[in-house]
Amino acid sequence: MFVETDKNSFDFTQFQAIRDRSIGRLFWRLKRYTSAFIEPRLHAKGFADFKMSYLMFLSNIEEGGTTNNELAKRACVTKQMMSKIVGLLEAEGYIYTQKNPNDSRSSIIFLNERGKELFVSLKACMQEARDKFDGIVGHDRMEQVIDTMVELANKLENEEQ
């Protein structure tokens, strides 16, 4: 039996063309590639328990420490989830906590030496990934991509606030 479809119905060919240029999908694919590229390199450098998902937490810790609430807000997770992750990262030796002198109900989170060593190793691994990207599209085009993403991220974050 033949079923006639109208012009507003789903067209898989059109869907594929749109999907291949979808911004969200492209960001996801590049993030997945970057994580798969960097994580094993960090494991080989002695951070075998490290997962790239930890970065959204660790990268938001300031030199003078960051409260659990602020870290949760920056990482876009609940305070309860942040507390669990802080416990995990502390147990794995990337951070340490101290009681907040301004609010005894909260703690301040700091990177410890292992956390700092991770970032030194991460920098080298990220440079390796960047060199690979530069080799594919060229350094200048990659700089334009990064400049564009920085501008978008900054403006969009400012709009949220």
C-alpha atoms as a PDB file:
ATOM      1  CA  MET A   1       0.000   0.000   0.000  1.00  0.00           C
ATOM      2  CA  PHE A   2       1.408   3.409  -0.992  1.00  0.00           C
ATOM      3  CA  VAL A   3       1.124   6.221   1.541  1.00  0.00           C
ATOM      4  CA  GLU A   4       1.352   9.755   0.225  1.00  0.00           C
ATOM      5  CA  THR A   5       3.273  12.175   2.445  1.00  0.00           C
ATOM      6  CA  ASP A   6       2.994  15.947   2.542  1.00  0.00           C
ATOM      7  CA  LYS A   7       5.842  18.440   2.266  1.00  0.00           C
ATOM      8  CA  ASN A   8       6.008  18.909   6.047  1.00  0.00           C
ATOM      9  CA  SER A   9       6.677  15.253   6.765  1.00  0.00           C
ATOM     10  CA  PHE A  10       9.995  13.850   7.873  1.00  0.00           C
ATOM     11  CA  ASP A  11      12.600  13.553   5.113  1.00  0.00           C
ATOM     12  CA  PHE A  12      15.591  11.479   6.203  1.00  0.00           C
ATOM     13  CA  THR A  13      17.887  12.870   3.506  1.00  0.00           C
ATOM     14  CA  GLN A  14      17.123  16.414   4.604  1.00  0.00           C
ATOM     15  CA  PHE A  15      17.549  15.366   8.251  1.00  0.00           C
ATOM     16  CA  GLN A  16      21.026  13.945   7.497  1.00  0.00           C
ATOM     17  CA  ALA A  17      22.116  17.141   5.742  1.00  0.00           C
ATOM     18  CA  ILE A  18      20.995  19.236   8.703  1.00  0.00           C
ATOM     19  CA  ARG A  19      22.459  16.790  11.235  1.00  0.00           C
ATOM     20  CA  ASP A  20      25.913  16.896   9.651  1.00  0.00           C
ATOM     21  CA  ARG A  21      26.097  20.676  10.240  1.00  0.00           C
ATOM     22  CA  SER A  22      24.313  20.798  13.590  1.00  0.00           C
ATOM     23  CA  ILE A  23      26.291  23.005  15.971  1.00  0.00           C
ATOM     24  CA  GLY A  24      25.370  20.960  19.040  1.00  0.00           C
ATOM     25  CA  ARG A  25      26.293  17.706  17.358  1.00  0.00           C
ATOM     26  CA  LEU A  26      29.600  19.117  16.091  1.00  0.00           C
ATOM     27  CA  PHE A  27      30.516  20.395  19.569  1.00  0.00           C
ATOM     28  CA  TRP A  28      29.614  17.004  21.026  1.00  0.00           C
ATOM     29  CA  ARG A  29      31.675  15.118  18.418  1.00  0.00           C
ATOM     30  CA  LEU A  30      34.723  17.338  18.957  1.00  0.00           C
ATOM     31  CA  LYS A  31      34.391  17.080  22.743  1.00  0.00           C
ATOM     32  CA  ARG A  32      34.113  13.292  22.485  1.00  0.00           C
ATOM     33  CA  TYR A  33      37.175  13.160  20.217  1.00  0.00           C
ATOM     34  CA  THR A  34      39.188  15.478  22.467  1.00  0.00           C
ATOM     35  CA  SER A  35      38.304  13.470  25.578  1.00  0.00           C
ATOM     36  CA  ALA A  36      39.206  10.195  23.864  1.00  0.00           C
ATOM     37  CA  PHE A  37      42.498  11.744  22.724  1.00  0.00           C
ATOM     38  CA  ILE A  38      43.532  13.307  26.048  1.00  0.00           C
ATOM     39  CA  GLU A  39      42.273  10.902  28.721  1.00  0.00           C
ATOM     40  CA  PRO A  40      44.524   7.935  27.783  1.00  0.00           C
ATOM     41  CA  ARG A  41      47.520  10.259  27.606  1.00  0.00           C
ATOM     42  CA  LEU A  42      46.800  11.466  31.133  1.00  0.00           C
ATOM     43  CA  HIS A  43      46.399   7.861  32.284  1.00  0.00           C
ATOM     44  CA  ALA A  44      49.839   7.089  30.837  1.00  0.00           C
ATOM     45  CA  LYS A  45      51.257  10.054  32.790  1.00  0.00           C
ATOM     46  CA  GLY A  46      50.097   8.547  36.092  1.00  0.00           C
ATOM     47  CA  PHE A  47      46.526   9.817  36.360  1.00  0.00           C
ATOM     48  CA  ALA A  48      44.889   6.448  35.717  1.00  0.00           C
ATOM     49  CA  ASP A  49      41.826   7.301  37.826  1.00  0.00           C
ATOM     50  CA  PHE A  50      41.166  10.580  35.990  1.00  0.00           C
ATOM     51  CA  LYS A  51      38.072  11.086  33.856  1.00  0.00           C
ATOM     52  CA  MET A  52      37.688  14.071  31.543  1.00  0.00           C
ATOM     53  CA  SER A  53      34.302  14.771  33.135  1.00  0.00           C
ATOM     54  CA  TYR A  54      36.219  15.852  36.280  1.00  0.00           C
ATOM     55  CA  LEU A  55      37.489  18.897  34.382  1.00  0.00           C
ATOM     56  CA  MET A  56      34.208  20.771  34.608  1.00  0.00           C
ATOM     57  CA  PHE A  57      34.736  20.757  38.370  1.00  0.00           C
ATOM     58  CA  LEU A  58      38.504  21.023  38.733  1.00  0.00           C
ATOM     59  CA  SER A  59      38.853  23.817  36.171  1.00  0.00           C
ATOM     60  CA  ASN A  60      36.508  26.041  38.186  1.00  0.00           C
ATOM     61  CA  ILE A  61      38.583  25.976  41.370  1.00  0.00           C
ATOM     62  CA  GLU A  62      40.306  29.309  42.016  1.00  0.00           C
ATOM     63  CA  GLU A  63      43.812  29.659  43.475  1.00  0.00           C
ATOM     64  CA  GLY A  64      42.374  31.019  46.723  1.00  0.00           C
ATOM     65  CA  GLY A  65      39.816  28.209  46.872  1.00  0.00           C
ATOM     66  CA  THR A  66      36.185  27.964  45.879  1.00  0.00           C
ATOM     67  CA  THR A  67      33.136  27.139  47.975  1.00  0.00           C
ATOM     68  CA  ASN A  68      31.054  24.063  47.227  1.00  0.00           C
ATOM     69  CA  ASN A  69      28.069  26.285  46.332  1.00  0.00           C
ATOM     70  CA  GLU A  70      30.069  28.423  43.916  1.00  0.00           C
ATOM     71  CA  LEU A  71      31.644  25.359  42.331  1.00  0.00           C
ATOM     72  CA  ALA A  72      28.204  23.764  41.896  1.00  0.00           C
ATOM     73  CA  LYS A  73      26.916  26.930  40.234  1.00  0.00           C
ATOM     74  CA  ARG A  74      29.895  27.161  37.864  1.00  0.00           C
ATOM     75  CA  ALA A  75      29.678  23.467  36.950  1.00  0.00           C
ATOM     76  CA  CYS A  76      25.872  23.658  36.580  1.00  0.00           C
ATOM     77  CA  VAL A  77      25.138  20.849  39.043  1.00  0.00           C
ATOM     78  CA  THR A  78      23.178  20.684  42.291  1.00  0.00           C
ATOM     79  CA  LYS A  79      24.912  21.344  45.612  1.00  0.00           C
ATOM     80  CA  GLN A  80      24.207  17.724  46.591  1.00  0.00           C
ATOM     81  CA  MET A  81      25.855  16.409  43.405  1.00  0.00           C
ATOM     82  CA  MET A  82      28.780  18.760  43.943  1.00  0.00           C
ATOM     83  CA  SER A  83      29.239  17.410  47.475  1.00  0.00           C
ATOM     84  CA  LYS A  84      29.453  13.858  46.114  1.00  0.00           C
ATOM     85  CA  ILE A  85      31.947  14.881  43.442  1.00  0.00           C
ATOM     86  CA  VAL A  86      34.043  16.814  45.955  1.00  0.00           C
ATOM     87  CA  GLY A  87      34.195  13.667  48.091  1.00  0.00           C
ATOM     88  CA  LEU A  88      35.293  11.615  45.078  1.00  0.00           C
ATOM     89  CA  LEU A  89      37.933  14.114  43.941  1.00  0.00           C
ATOM     90  CA  GLU A  90      39.233  14.454  47.486  1.00  0.00           C
ATOM     91  CA  ALA A  91      39.444  10.662  47.878  1.00  0.00           C
ATOM     92  CA  GLU A  92      41.334  10.433  44.575  1.00  0.00           C
ATOM     93  CA  GLY A  93      43.773  13.086  45.773  1.00  0.00           C
ATOM     94  CA  TYR A  94      43.079  15.975  43.384  1.00  0.00           C
ATOM     95  CA  ILE A  95      41.664  18.433  45.921  1.00  0.00           C
ATOM     96  CA  TYR A  96      41.458  19.160  49.622  1.00  0.00           C
ATOM     97  CA  THR A  97      38.885  21.060  51.631  1.00  0.00           C
ATOM     98  CA  GLN A  98      39.010  23.423  54.586  1.00  0.00           C
ATOM     99  CA  LYS A  99      36.194  24.792  56.697  1.00  0.00           C
ATOM    100  CA  ASN A 100      35.020  28.163  55.441  1.00  0.00           C
ATOM    101  CA  PRO A 101      36.080  30.764  58.054  1.00  0.00           C
ATOM    102  CA  ASN A 102      33.134  32.973  56.996  1.00  0.00           C
ATOM    103  CA  ASP A 103      30.500  30.215  57.150  1.00  0.00           C
ATOM    104  CA  SER A 104      31.101  27.130  59.289  1.00  0.00           C
ATOM    105  CA  ARG A 105      28.381  25.240  57.359  1.00  0.00           C
ATOM    106  CA  SER A 106      30.481  25.214  54.189  1.00  0.00           C
ATOM    107  CA  SER A 107      33.954  24.259  53.041  1.00  0.00           C
ATOM    108  CA  ILE A 108      36.407  25.840  50.686  1.00  0.00           C
ATOM    109  CA  ILE A 109      37.848  23.588  47.994  1.00  0.00           C
ATOM    110  CA  PHE A 110      41.465  23.833  46.830  1.00  0.00           C
ATOM    111  CA  LEU A 111      43.593  22.002  44.294  1.00  0.00           C
ATOM    112  CA  ASN A 112      46.267  19.974  46.024  1.00  0.00           C
ATOM    113  CA  GLU A 113      49.671  19.120  44.540  1.00  0.00           C
ATOM    114  CA  ARG A 114      48.323  16.172  42.546  1.00  0.00           C
ATOM    115  CA  GLY A 115      45.582  18.403  41.140  1.00  0.00           C
ATOM    116  CA  LYS A 116      48.163  20.982  40.094  1.00  0.00           C
ATOM    117  CA  GLU A 117      50.357  18.264  38.536  1.00  0.00           C
ATOM    118  CA  LEU A 118      47.317  17.079  36.601  1.00  0.00           C
ATOM    119  CA  PHE A 119      46.903  20.535  35.061  1.00  0.00           C
ATOM    120  CA  VAL A 120      50.579  20.653  34.065  1.00  0.00           C
ATOM    121  CA  SER A 121      50.179  17.282  32.323  1.00  0.00           C
ATOM    122  CA  LEU A 122      46.834  18.331  30.871  1.00  0.00           C
ATOM    123  CA  LYS A 123      48.424  21.398  29.292  1.00  0.00           C
ATOM    124  CA  ALA A 124      50.908  19.189  27.413  1.00  0.00           C
ATOM    125  CA  CYS A 125      48.147  16.803  26.290  1.00  0.00           C
ATOM    126  CA  MET A 126      45.948  19.680  25.138  1.00  0.00           C
ATOM    127  CA  GLN A 127      48.833  21.128  23.169  1.00  0.00           C
ATOM    128  CA  GLU A 128      49.208  17.762  21.464  1.00  0.00           C
ATOM    129  CA  ALA A 129      45.517  17.867  20.515  1.00  0.00           C
ATOM    130  CA  ARG A 130      45.869  21.465  19.357  1.00  0.00           C
ATOM    131  CA  ASP A 131      48.858  20.529  17.179  1.00  0.00           C
ATOM    132  CA  LYS A 132      46.735  17.809  15.594  1.00  0.00           C
ATOM    133  CA  PHE A 133      43.900  20.279  14.914  1.00  0.00           C
ATOM    134  CA  ASP A 134      46.375  22.818  13.495  1.00  0.00           C
ATOM    135  CA  GLY A 135      47.705  20.080  11.209  1.00  0.00           C
ATOM    136  CA  ILE A 136      44.213  19.483   9.856  1.00  0.00           C
ATOM    137  CA  VAL A 137      42.886  23.041   9.348  1.00  0.00           C
ATOM    138  CA  GLY A 138      45.969  25.196   9.841  1.00  0.00           C
ATOM    139  CA  HIS A 139      47.021  27.318  12.804  1.00  0.00           C
ATOM    140  CA  ASP A 140      45.340  30.537  11.642  1.00  0.00           C
ATOM    141  CA  ARG A 141      41.975  28.879  10.964  1.00  0.00           C
ATOM    142  CA  MET A 142      42.138  27.127  14.336  1.00  0.00           C
ATOM    143  CA  GLU A 143      42.839  30.480  16.019  1.00  0.00           C
ATOM    144  CA  GLN A 144      39.732  31.886  14.291  1.00  0.00           C
ATOM    145  CA  VAL A 145      37.662  28.919  15.532  1.00  0.00           C
ATOM    146  CA  ILE A 146      38.872  29.450  19.103  1.00  0.00           C
ATOM    147  CA  ASP A 147      38.383  33.238  18.947  1.00  0.00           C
ATOM    148  CA  THR A 148      34.825  32.698  17.690  1.00  0.00           C
ATOM    149  CA  MET A 149      34.018  30.144  20.395  1.00  0.00           C
ATOM    150  CA  VAL A 150      35.437  32.422  23.129  1.00  0.00           C
ATOM    151  CA  GLU A 151      33.353  35.342  21.885  1.00  0.00           C
ATOM    152  CA  LEU A 152      30.189  33.225  21.696  1.00  0.00           C
ATOM    153  CA  ALA A 153      30.715  31.653  25.129  1.00  0.00           C
ATOM    154  CA  ASN A 154      31.454  34.998  26.818  1.00  0.00           C
ATOM    155  CA  LYS A 155      28.510  36.830  25.264  1.00  0.00           C
ATOM    156  CA  LEU A 156      26.068  33.996  25.901  1.00  0.00           C
ATOM    157  CA  GLU A 157      27.199  33.635  29.526  1.00  0.00           C
ATOM    158  CA  ASN A 158      26.784  37.386  30.025  1.00  0.00           C
ATOM    159  CA  GLU A 159      23.232  37.147  28.659  1.00  0.00           C
ATOM    160  CA  GLU A 160      22.445  34.384  31.189  1.00  0.00           C
ATOM    161  CA  GLN A 161      23.425  36.629  34.096  1.00  0.00           C
END
